[in-house]
């Protein structure tokens, strides 16, 4: 009986991992193929091929399918969807050794985000910007700062190899300013914003600090 329970537990965990990494079906549903899909991918795939070559034991592409190797001899395929305004395509950026995840750009006609694909599980975590790590690689931040689509968020992540859990999230004034951030210490982030309309005005500047109890707070104007 104990053996049966153990086997059910193992099968269940594999199903959860597979489902988490699964991609939604891309169905035409009378939507036309995006006319820019072929030209965009034709321009981007040669550059992607050079990045893949650096990790060709882990990453490969076959047409519209990007294949990524996972632990235990498994793999996951990210498949493009070229139909209509809701279409998208995937581009391999790099393998992040510190986080044990792949960084994959997901491009849509008027948007792009990044998918972090966890090597142990195949799970995907969508973020608005590429990961920026602390010097000792314990945490990373991502920034989404744009007018179209409207985004203005800085997120601090604490990955554990299987998840990219959010540790804190802060709003940015990206409706009127363009913002950038840097790690000055694993407990200290400096944020600088510049007005989009120029004019020599000074934008907002502030710091994010982590207290001893793990809580992040904002200081400055």
Protein backbone atom coordinates (compact mmCIF):
# COMPACT_ATOMS: atom_id res chain seq x y z
CA UNK A 1 0.00 0.00 0.00
CA UNK A 2 2.84 2.37 0.81
CA UNK A 3 4.41 1.56 -2.56
CA UNK A 4 1.15 2.36 -4.34
CA UNK A 5 0.83 5.70 -2.55
CA UNK A 6 4.41 6.56 -3.46
CA UNK A 7 3.85 5.75 -7.15
CA UNK A 8 0.68 7.84 -7.27
CA UNK A 9 2.57 10.72 -5.69
CA UNK A 10 5.36 10.50 -8.28
CA UNK A 11 2.93 10.34 -11.21
CA UNK A 12 1.00 13.27 -9.80
CA UNK A 13 4.11 15.42 -9.51
CA UNK A 14 5.07 14.65 -13.10
CA UNK A 15 1.62 15.63 -14.33
CA UNK A 16 1.78 18.93 -12.46
CA UNK A 17 5.19 19.68 -13.92
CA UNK A 18 4.06 18.83 -17.45
CA UNK A 19 0.88 20.88 -17.15
CA UNK A 20 2.76 23.87 -15.81
CA UNK A 21 5.10 23.83 -18.80
CA UNK A 22 2.44 23.16 -21.41
CA UNK A 23 1.67 25.79 -24.03
CA UNK A 24 -1.92 26.80 -24.86
CA UNK A 25 -3.18 25.50 -28.18
CA UNK A 26 -2.78 27.91 -31.10
CA UNK A 27 -5.92 27.61 -33.23
CA UNK A 28 -6.42 29.71 -36.39
CA UNK A 29 -10.18 30.20 -35.75
CA UNK A 30 -10.50 32.06 -39.09
CA UNK A 31 -7.76 34.50 -38.07
CA UNK A 32 -5.31 35.39 -40.86
CA UNK A 33 -1.61 34.77 -40.52
CA UNK A 34 0.18 37.86 -39.26
CA UNK A 35 1.77 39.34 -42.42
CA UNK A 36 4.86 40.36 -40.45
CA UNK A 37 5.48 36.91 -38.94
CA UNK A 38 7.58 35.57 -41.81
CA UNK A 39 9.67 38.72 -42.22
CA UNK A 40 10.19 39.18 -38.48
CA UNK A 41 11.34 35.62 -37.89
CA UNK A 42 13.49 35.62 -41.04
CA UNK A 43 15.35 38.62 -39.63
CA UNK A 44 15.56 37.33 -36.05
CA UNK A 45 16.29 33.61 -36.45
CA UNK A 46 19.86 34.02 -37.82
CA UNK A 47 20.81 36.11 -34.77
CA UNK A 48 19.07 33.60 -32.51
CA UNK A 49 21.00 30.77 -34.21
CA UNK A 50 24.27 32.32 -33.04
CA UNK A 51 22.97 32.40 -29.47
CA UNK A 52 21.75 28.81 -29.74
CA UNK A 53 25.17 27.69 -30.97
CA UNK A 54 26.66 28.72 -27.63
CA UNK A 55 24.33 26.19 -25.91
CA UNK A 56 23.56 23.74 -28.70
CA UNK A 57 23.61 20.82 -26.26
CA UNK A 58 20.59 22.34 -24.50
CA UNK A 59 18.72 24.36 -27.13
CA UNK A 60 17.57 23.73 -30.69
CA UNK A 61 15.05 25.11 -33.17
CA UNK A 62 13.02 23.32 -35.83
CA UNK A 63 10.92 25.82 -37.79
CA UNK A 64 8.41 27.43 -35.46
CA UNK A 65 9.39 25.17 -32.52
CA UNK A 66 12.00 26.09 -29.93
CA UNK A 67 13.13 23.07 -27.91
CA UNK A 68 14.75 23.42 -24.49
CA UNK A 69 16.36 20.57 -22.55
CA UNK A 70 15.18 19.94 -19.00
CA UNK A 71 16.55 17.89 -16.15
CA UNK A 72 16.15 14.11 -16.31
CA UNK A 73 16.49 13.90 -20.09
CA UNK A 74 13.17 15.69 -20.68
CA UNK A 75 12.52 18.70 -22.88
CA UNK A 76 9.89 21.33 -23.56
CA UNK A 77 8.84 22.90 -26.87
CA UNK A 78 7.71 26.49 -27.19
CA UNK A 79 5.62 26.82 -30.34
CA UNK A 80 4.93 30.05 -32.21
CA UNK A 81 1.40 31.23 -32.93
CA UNK A 82 1.38 33.35 -36.13
CA UNK A 83 -2.37 34.05 -36.26
CA UNK A 84 -4.01 37.44 -35.88
CA UNK A 85 -3.31 40.30 -33.48
CA UNK A 86 -2.98 37.85 -30.60
CA UNK A 87 -0.15 35.94 -32.26
CA UNK A 88 3.38 35.67 -30.90
CA UNK A 89 6.72 34.00 -31.47
CA UNK A 90 9.50 32.87 -29.15
CA UNK A 91 13.18 33.79 -29.39
CA UNK A 92 15.90 32.16 -27.30
CA UNK A 93 18.03 34.76 -25.50
CA UNK A 94 20.28 32.84 -23.10
CA UNK A 95 20.63 30.18 -20.45
CA UNK A 96 20.91 31.73 -17.01
CA UNK A 97 23.23 29.47 -15.05
CA UNK A 98 22.68 31.25 -11.72
CA UNK A 99 18.92 30.76 -11.82
CA UNK A 100 18.97 27.48 -13.79
CA UNK A 101 16.42 28.85 -16.23
CA UNK A 102 16.24 29.83 -19.87
CA UNK A 103 15.48 33.43 -20.79
CA UNK A 104 13.16 33.42 -23.81
CA UNK A 105 11.70 36.51 -25.44
CA UNK A 106 8.01 36.28 -26.35
CA UNK A 107 7.29 38.80 -29.10
CA UNK A 108 3.81 39.88 -30.17
CA UNK A 109 2.81 42.51 -32.79
CA UNK A 110 2.71 45.37 -30.27
CA UNK A 111 4.39 43.89 -27.21
CA UNK A 112 7.10 41.66 -25.85
CA UNK A 113 7.76 39.96 -22.54
CA UNK A 114 10.19 37.34 -21.29
CA UNK A 115 9.47 33.75 -20.36
CA UNK A 116 11.74 32.25 -17.72
CA UNK A 117 11.69 28.49 -18.32
CA UNK A 118 12.84 26.54 -15.28
CA UNK A 119 15.26 23.76 -16.18
CA UNK A 120 14.27 21.42 -13.31
CA UNK A 121 10.52 21.52 -14.06
CA UNK A 122 9.79 23.21 -17.39
CA UNK A 123 7.55 25.74 -15.66
CA UNK A 124 7.20 29.14 -17.32
CA UNK A 125 7.22 32.44 -15.46
CA UNK A 126 6.36 35.54 -17.48
CA UNK A 127 8.20 38.77 -16.58
CA UNK A 128 8.23 42.23 -18.14
CA UNK A 129 12.02 42.60 -18.36
CA UNK A 130 15.23 40.62 -18.51
CA UNK A 131 16.61 39.52 -15.11
CA UNK A 132 19.18 41.78 -13.42
CA UNK A 133 21.00 39.89 -10.65
CA UNK A 134 22.63 40.98 -7.42
CA UNK A 135 26.40 40.48 -7.40
CA UNK A 136 26.15 37.30 -5.29
CA UNK A 137 23.29 35.94 -7.47
CA UNK A 138 20.76 35.52 -4.67
CA UNK A 139 18.00 37.69 -6.20
CA UNK A 140 17.18 39.45 -9.42
CA UNK A 141 14.93 42.32 -10.41
CA UNK A 142 12.86 42.93 -13.53
CA UNK A 143 11.44 46.21 -14.80
CA UNK A 144 8.45 46.87 -17.04
CA UNK A 145 8.38 50.57 -17.98
CA UNK A 146 6.48 51.58 -21.13
CA UNK A 147 3.58 53.65 -22.39
CA UNK A 148 2.32 51.07 -24.87
CA UNK A 149 1.43 48.67 -23.46
CA UNK A 150 1.08 50.63 -20.23
CA UNK A 151 3.53 49.19 -17.69
CA UNK A 152 5.25 50.61 -14.66
CA UNK A 153 6.46 47.97 -12.24
CA UNK A 154 9.70 46.85 -10.63
CA UNK A 155 9.61 43.31 -9.25
CA UNK A 156 12.20 41.67 -6.98
CA UNK A 157 12.42 37.89 -7.39
CA UNK A 158 13.92 35.25 -5.11
CA UNK A 159 14.38 32.14 -7.32
CA UNK A 160 14.99 28.71 -5.87
CA UNK A 161 15.70 26.71 -9.04
CA UNK A 162 12.07 25.65 -9.44
CA UNK A 163 10.21 28.95 -9.06
CA UNK A 164 10.85 32.65 -9.58
CA UNK A 165 8.87 33.78 -6.55
CA UNK A 166 8.10 37.46 -6.10
CA UNK A 167 9.70 38.94 -3.00
CA UNK A 168 8.41 42.49 -3.53
CA UNK A 169 6.77 44.69 -6.16
CA UNK A 170 6.83 48.48 -6.59
CA UNK A 171 5.00 50.83 -8.93
CA UNK A 172 7.02 53.17 -11.14
CA UNK A 173 5.92 56.53 -12.66
CA UNK A 174 6.25 55.22 -16.21
CA UNK A 175 3.21 57.11 -17.47
CA UNK A 176 5.40 60.22 -17.56
CA UNK A 177 8.98 59.04 -16.94
CA UNK A 178 11.38 56.36 -18.11
CA UNK A 179 12.94 54.44 -15.22
CA UNK A 180 16.07 52.36 -14.68
CA UNK A 181 17.39 50.53 -11.62
CA UNK A 182 20.65 49.07 -10.34
CA UNK A 183 21.73 46.93 -7.41
CA UNK A 184 24.09 48.82 -5.07
CA UNK A 185 23.92 45.95 -2.57
CA UNK A 186 21.81 42.82 -2.18
CA UNK A 187 19.61 44.86 0.17
CA UNK A 188 19.71 48.18 -1.71
CA UNK A 189 18.37 49.18 -5.15
CA UNK A 190 18.75 52.66 -6.65
CA UNK A 191 16.01 53.79 -9.05
CA UNK A 192 16.39 56.77 -11.39
CA UNK A 193 13.60 58.12 -13.60
CA UNK A 194 13.82 60.67 -16.42
CA UNK A 195 10.86 62.72 -17.74
CA UNK A 196 9.80 61.52 -21.18
CA UNK A 197 9.16 65.04 -22.45
CA UNK A 198 12.74 66.18 -21.70
CA UNK A 199 12.94 69.90 -20.98
CA UNK A 200 15.80 69.52 -18.52
CA UNK A 201 13.50 68.61 -15.66
CA UNK A 202 14.77 66.24 -13.00
CA UNK A 203 12.82 63.05 -12.58
CA UNK A 204 12.14 60.95 -9.52
CA UNK A 205 14.98 59.26 -7.69
CA UNK A 206 14.54 56.85 -4.79
CA UNK A 207 15.97 53.73 -3.21
CA UNK A 208 14.43 50.40 -2.25
CA UNK A 209 15.84 48.88 0.93
CA UNK A 210 15.40 45.46 2.51
CA UNK A 211 15.15 45.34 6.29
CA UNK A 212 16.39 42.54 8.53
CA UNK A 213 12.92 40.96 8.58
CA UNK A 214 12.94 40.65 4.76
CA UNK A 215 10.53 43.51 4.04
CA UNK A 216 11.35 45.90 1.22
CA UNK A 217 10.55 49.63 1.63
CA UNK A 218 10.86 52.70 -0.56
CA UNK A 219 12.74 55.84 0.52
CA UNK A 220 13.17 59.13 -1.34
CA UNK A 221 11.03 61.43 -3.42
